[in-house]
Amino acid sequence: MDEKTAELRDIFVEATGSDTVTERQAESPGSLTDRDEAALGERARELVAAMRERYDFSTDLDDATYVRIARGHFELDDDAAVAAALAENGEASAEPVDVEPETVRDARFDLHLVREADREVDDGPFEYADLKSLTAEGRSIVECAEALDGDPDAVAKYARVARVDLTATRANERFRDELRDLLTDAEIEGNHAETARDDGLKEATEDIETDVSL
């Protein structure tokens, strides 16, 4: 934008009493609002601490590592990938953490984070939904195995997943949902994508109109 165009912009701002256009010039067209990652990380750790106090956590990992596991849950494909990421010193001020994928899974369940793959019964004689219903009724593993004609070990494996799902449901999914909102851009993208796109198009149109008038 040349000097004459800038002068015309200044006249427009003075006439309308709005500095919206000049503020947008400072941003890339269509850019999303920056998030305060430090504040969000602190809030995520506070949320983990609240969950630790309310529920019995199954690992001795610290709150910061739980947050990293939660972030990995949303960003990576499986627990092995999360464990590998924890072992790398890829985050600022974050020390490498050596954990097995099974420990990642335990911590993930502590945070009410269940993958769809966790609910997929491998060639079993029963459906996960049926086991979840029996678990909700308070049936024991033995009783569930008898009712479903399933292997007790397999029933125990998926009953654990069912208990996590049920606990999350009783909490109205609020812990899982807040972790997702804190650690991903999903909410921001949903709220701002259309506005950002419109801002970029409007700014481009204004530049074209100004150039033509010159």
Protein backbone atom coordinates (compact mmCIF):
# COMPACT_ATOMS: atom_id res chain seq x y z
CA MET A 1 0.00 0.00 0.00
CA ASP A 2 1.61 3.32 -1.16
CA GLU A 3 1.62 6.68 0.64
CA LYS A 4 -1.40 8.07 -1.19
CA THR A 5 -3.46 4.97 -0.44
CA ALA A 6 -2.42 5.21 3.20
CA GLU A 7 -3.60 8.82 3.30
CA LEU A 8 -6.97 7.82 1.88
CA ARG A 9 -7.26 5.11 4.53
CA ASP A 10 -6.52 7.72 7.23
CA ILE A 11 -9.25 9.97 5.85
CA PHE A 12 -11.69 7.06 5.88
CA VAL A 13 -10.87 6.24 9.50
CA GLU A 14 -11.22 9.87 10.55
CA ALA A 15 -14.56 10.20 8.77
CA THR A 16 -16.07 6.99 10.12
CA GLY A 17 -14.58 7.15 13.60
CA SER A 18 -13.53 3.50 13.27
CA ASP A 19 -9.99 2.14 13.40
CA THR A 20 -11.09 -1.39 12.48
CA VAL A 21 -9.45 -1.30 9.08
CA THR A 22 -6.07 -0.13 10.34
CA GLU A 23 -6.12 -2.75 13.08
CA ARG A 24 -6.75 -5.44 10.52
CA GLN A 25 -3.83 -4.18 8.43
CA ALA A 26 -1.56 -5.24 11.28
CA GLU A 27 -2.74 -8.83 10.88
CA SER A 28 -2.40 -11.24 7.99
CA PRO A 29 -5.68 -11.44 6.04
CA GLY A 30 -7.79 -14.25 7.41
CA SER A 31 -5.57 -14.90 10.43
CA LEU A 32 -7.03 -16.39 13.61
CA THR A 33 -6.84 -14.65 16.96
CA ASP A 34 -3.72 -15.61 18.89
CA ARG A 35 -4.32 -17.64 22.05
CA ASP A 36 -2.48 -17.17 25.32
CA GLU A 37 -0.90 -20.63 25.36
CA ALA A 38 0.73 -20.11 28.76
CA ALA A 39 -2.59 -19.25 30.39
CA LEU A 40 -4.33 -22.13 28.66
CA GLY A 41 -1.62 -24.54 29.78
CA GLU A 42 -1.98 -23.33 33.36
CA ARG A 43 -5.74 -23.79 33.20
CA ALA A 44 -5.26 -27.32 31.83
CA ARG A 45 -2.94 -28.19 34.73
CA GLU A 46 -5.49 -26.80 37.19
CA LEU A 47 -8.15 -28.96 35.58
CA VAL A 48 -5.96 -32.06 35.88
CA ALA A 49 -5.29 -31.23 39.54
CA ALA A 50 -9.03 -30.94 40.16
CA MET A 51 -9.62 -34.32 38.51
CA ARG A 52 -6.80 -35.88 40.54
CA GLU A 53 -8.45 -34.63 43.73
CA ARG A 54 -11.89 -35.87 42.68
CA TYR A 55 -10.90 -39.23 41.20
CA ASP A 56 -8.28 -41.85 42.00
CA PHE A 57 -5.53 -41.48 39.40
CA SER A 58 -3.82 -44.71 38.44
CA THR A 59 -0.30 -43.37 37.72
CA ASP A 60 2.23 -41.23 39.59
CA LEU A 61 2.81 -38.91 36.61
CA ASP A 62 2.70 -35.21 37.42
CA ASP A 63 0.01 -32.81 36.25
CA ALA A 64 2.13 -31.33 33.47
CA THR A 65 2.72 -34.79 31.99
CA TYR A 66 -0.99 -35.53 32.17
CA VAL A 67 -1.59 -32.35 30.17
CA ARG A 68 0.96 -33.47 27.57
CA ILE A 69 -0.80 -36.83 27.35
CA ALA A 70 -4.14 -35.09 26.89
CA ARG A 71 -2.68 -32.94 24.11
CA GLY A 72 -1.22 -36.04 22.50
CA HIS A 73 -4.61 -37.74 22.65
CA PHE A 74 -6.09 -34.99 20.50
CA GLU A 75 -3.13 -34.61 18.14
CA LEU A 76 -1.69 -38.11 17.66
CA ASP A 77 -3.03 -41.43 16.44
CA ASP A 78 -2.40 -43.78 19.35
CA ASP A 79 -0.80 -44.27 22.75
CA ALA A 80 2.48 -45.50 21.26
CA ALA A 81 2.83 -42.22 19.35
CA VAL A 82 2.07 -40.24 22.51
CA ALA A 83 4.67 -42.22 24.48
CA ALA A 84 7.24 -41.55 21.76
CA ALA A 85 6.44 -37.83 21.83
CA LEU A 86 6.85 -37.73 25.60
CA ALA A 87 10.28 -39.33 25.29
CA GLU A 88 11.41 -36.50 23.02
CA ASN A 89 12.40 -33.10 24.37
CA GLY A 90 10.17 -31.39 21.85
CA GLU A 91 8.33 -28.93 24.07
CA ALA A 92 9.76 -25.80 25.65
CA SER A 93 10.81 -26.36 29.28
CA ALA A 94 9.42 -29.91 29.14
CA GLU A 95 11.72 -32.72 30.19
CA PRO A 96 11.57 -36.05 28.35
CA VAL A 97 9.38 -38.62 30.10
CA ASP A 98 9.97 -42.33 29.58
CA VAL A 99 6.64 -44.14 29.78
CA GLU A 100 5.09 -47.20 28.18
CA PRO A 101 2.02 -46.91 25.94
CA GLU A 102 0.06 -48.80 28.60
CA THR A 103 0.85 -46.04 31.12
CA VAL A 104 -0.28 -43.44 28.61
CA ARG A 105 -3.54 -45.36 28.29
CA ASP A 106 -3.98 -45.46 32.06
CA ALA A 107 -3.41 -41.70 32.32
CA ARG A 108 -5.73 -41.06 29.40
CA PHE A 109 -8.50 -43.01 31.11
CA ASP A 110 -7.88 -41.01 34.29
CA LEU A 111 -8.73 -37.93 32.21
CA HIS A 112 -11.90 -39.52 30.76
CA LEU A 113 -10.29 -39.62 27.31
CA VAL A 114 -11.45 -42.69 25.42
CA ARG A 115 -10.62 -43.48 21.81
CA GLU A 116 -13.15 -45.21 19.60
CA ALA A 117 -10.60 -48.01 19.18
CA ASP A 118 -10.86 -48.67 22.93
CA ARG A 119 -14.52 -49.60 22.45
CA GLU A 120 -13.95 -51.98 19.53
CA VAL A 121 -14.34 -55.54 20.80
CA ASP A 122 -11.91 -57.78 18.91
CA ASP A 123 -13.85 -60.74 17.49
CA GLY A 124 -15.78 -61.08 20.73
CA PRO A 125 -19.16 -62.73 21.23
CA PHE A 126 -20.56 -59.55 22.77
CA GLU A 127 -21.13 -55.92 21.89
CA TYR A 128 -19.52 -53.10 23.81
CA ALA A 129 -22.89 -51.38 24.25
CA ASP A 130 -24.31 -54.48 25.95
CA LEU A 131 -21.36 -54.69 28.33
CA LYS A 132 -21.66 -50.99 29.09
CA SER A 133 -25.33 -51.43 29.98
CA LEU A 134 -24.55 -54.31 32.33
CA THR A 135 -21.72 -52.35 33.89
CA ALA A 136 -24.07 -49.42 34.45
CA GLU A 137 -26.37 -51.80 36.33
CA GLY A 138 -23.52 -52.63 38.69
CA ARG A 139 -22.92 -56.18 37.45
CA SER A 140 -19.60 -57.79 38.37
CA ILE A 141 -17.09 -59.01 35.79
CA VAL A 142 -18.16 -62.61 36.42
CA GLU A 143 -21.83 -61.73 36.03
CA CYS A 144 -21.14 -59.79 32.84
CA ALA A 145 -19.09 -62.66 31.42
CA GLU A 146 -21.88 -65.12 32.15
CA ALA A 147 -24.58 -62.87 30.70
CA LEU A 148 -22.57 -62.17 27.54
CA ASP A 149 -20.99 -65.62 27.20
CA GLY A 150 -17.63 -63.89 27.04
CA ASP A 151 -14.14 -64.56 28.31
CA PRO A 152 -13.74 -62.92 31.75
CA ASP A 153 -10.39 -61.36 30.81
CA ALA A 154 -11.87 -59.77 27.69
CA VAL A 155 -14.91 -58.63 29.63
CA ALA A 156 -12.67 -57.07 32.28
CA LYS A 157 -10.69 -55.20 29.61
CA TYR A 158 -13.74 -53.58 28.06
CA ALA A 159 -15.59 -53.15 31.34
CA ARG A 160 -12.82 -50.79 32.36
CA VAL A 161 -13.46 -48.70 29.25
CA ALA A 162 -17.17 -48.78 30.04
CA ARG A 163 -16.53 -47.49 33.56
CA VAL A 164 -14.52 -44.58 32.15
CA ASP A 165 -17.32 -43.75 29.71
CA LEU A 166 -19.92 -43.94 32.47
CA THR A 167 -17.87 -41.76 34.80
CA ALA A 168 -17.40 -39.18 32.05
CA THR A 169 -21.14 -39.23 31.35
CA ARG A 170 -21.96 -38.65 35.01
CA ALA A 171 -19.67 -35.60 34.84
CA ASN A 172 -21.56 -34.42 31.72
CA GLU A 173 -18.35 -34.87 29.70
CA ARG A 174 -17.22 -31.50 31.06
CA PHE A 175 -13.64 -32.52 31.86
CA ARG A 176 -13.06 -34.07 28.45
CA ASP A 177 -14.73 -31.18 26.65
CA GLU A 178 -12.77 -28.53 28.53
CA LEU A 179 -9.48 -30.31 27.89
CA ARG A 180 -10.33 -30.42 24.20
CA ASP A 181 -11.19 -26.72 24.15
CA LEU A 182 -8.02 -25.79 26.05
CA LEU A 183 -5.61 -27.94 24.08
CA THR A 184 -6.91 -27.72 20.52
CA ASP A 185 -7.95 -24.95 18.14
CA ALA A 186 -11.27 -26.62 17.33
CA GLU A 187 -13.42 -24.07 19.17
CA ILE A 188 -11.52 -21.05 17.88
CA GLU A 189 -11.61 -22.34 14.33
CA GLY A 190 -15.33 -22.98 14.59
CA ASN A 191 -16.05 -19.52 15.99
CA HIS A 192 -13.65 -17.46 13.88
CA ALA A 193 -13.09 -19.24 10.56
CA GLU A 194 -16.00 -17.57 8.79
CA THR A 195 -15.27 -14.14 10.29
CA ALA A 196 -11.58 -14.38 9.40
CA ARG A 197 -12.39 -15.41 5.86
CA ASP A 198 -14.81 -12.49 5.47
CA ASP A 199 -12.24 -10.07 6.92
CA GLY A 200 -9.65 -11.17 4.40
CA LEU A 201 -12.04 -10.84 1.48
CA LYS A 202 -13.29 -7.43 2.64
CA GLU A 203 -9.75 -6.10 3.04
CA ALA A 204 -8.74 -7.33 -0.40
CA THR A 205 -11.82 -5.68 -1.92
CA GLU A 206 -11.08 -2.38 -0.19
CA ASP A 207 -7.51 -2.41 -1.53
CA ILE A 208 -8.75 -3.05 -5.06
CA GLU A 209 -11.34 -0.26 -4.86
CA THR A 210 -8.76 2.19 -3.52
CA ASP A 211 -6.28 1.34 -6.27
CA VAL A 212 -8.96 1.84 -8.93
CA SER A 213 -9.94 5.25 -7.54
CA LEU A 214 -6.34 6.36 -7.78
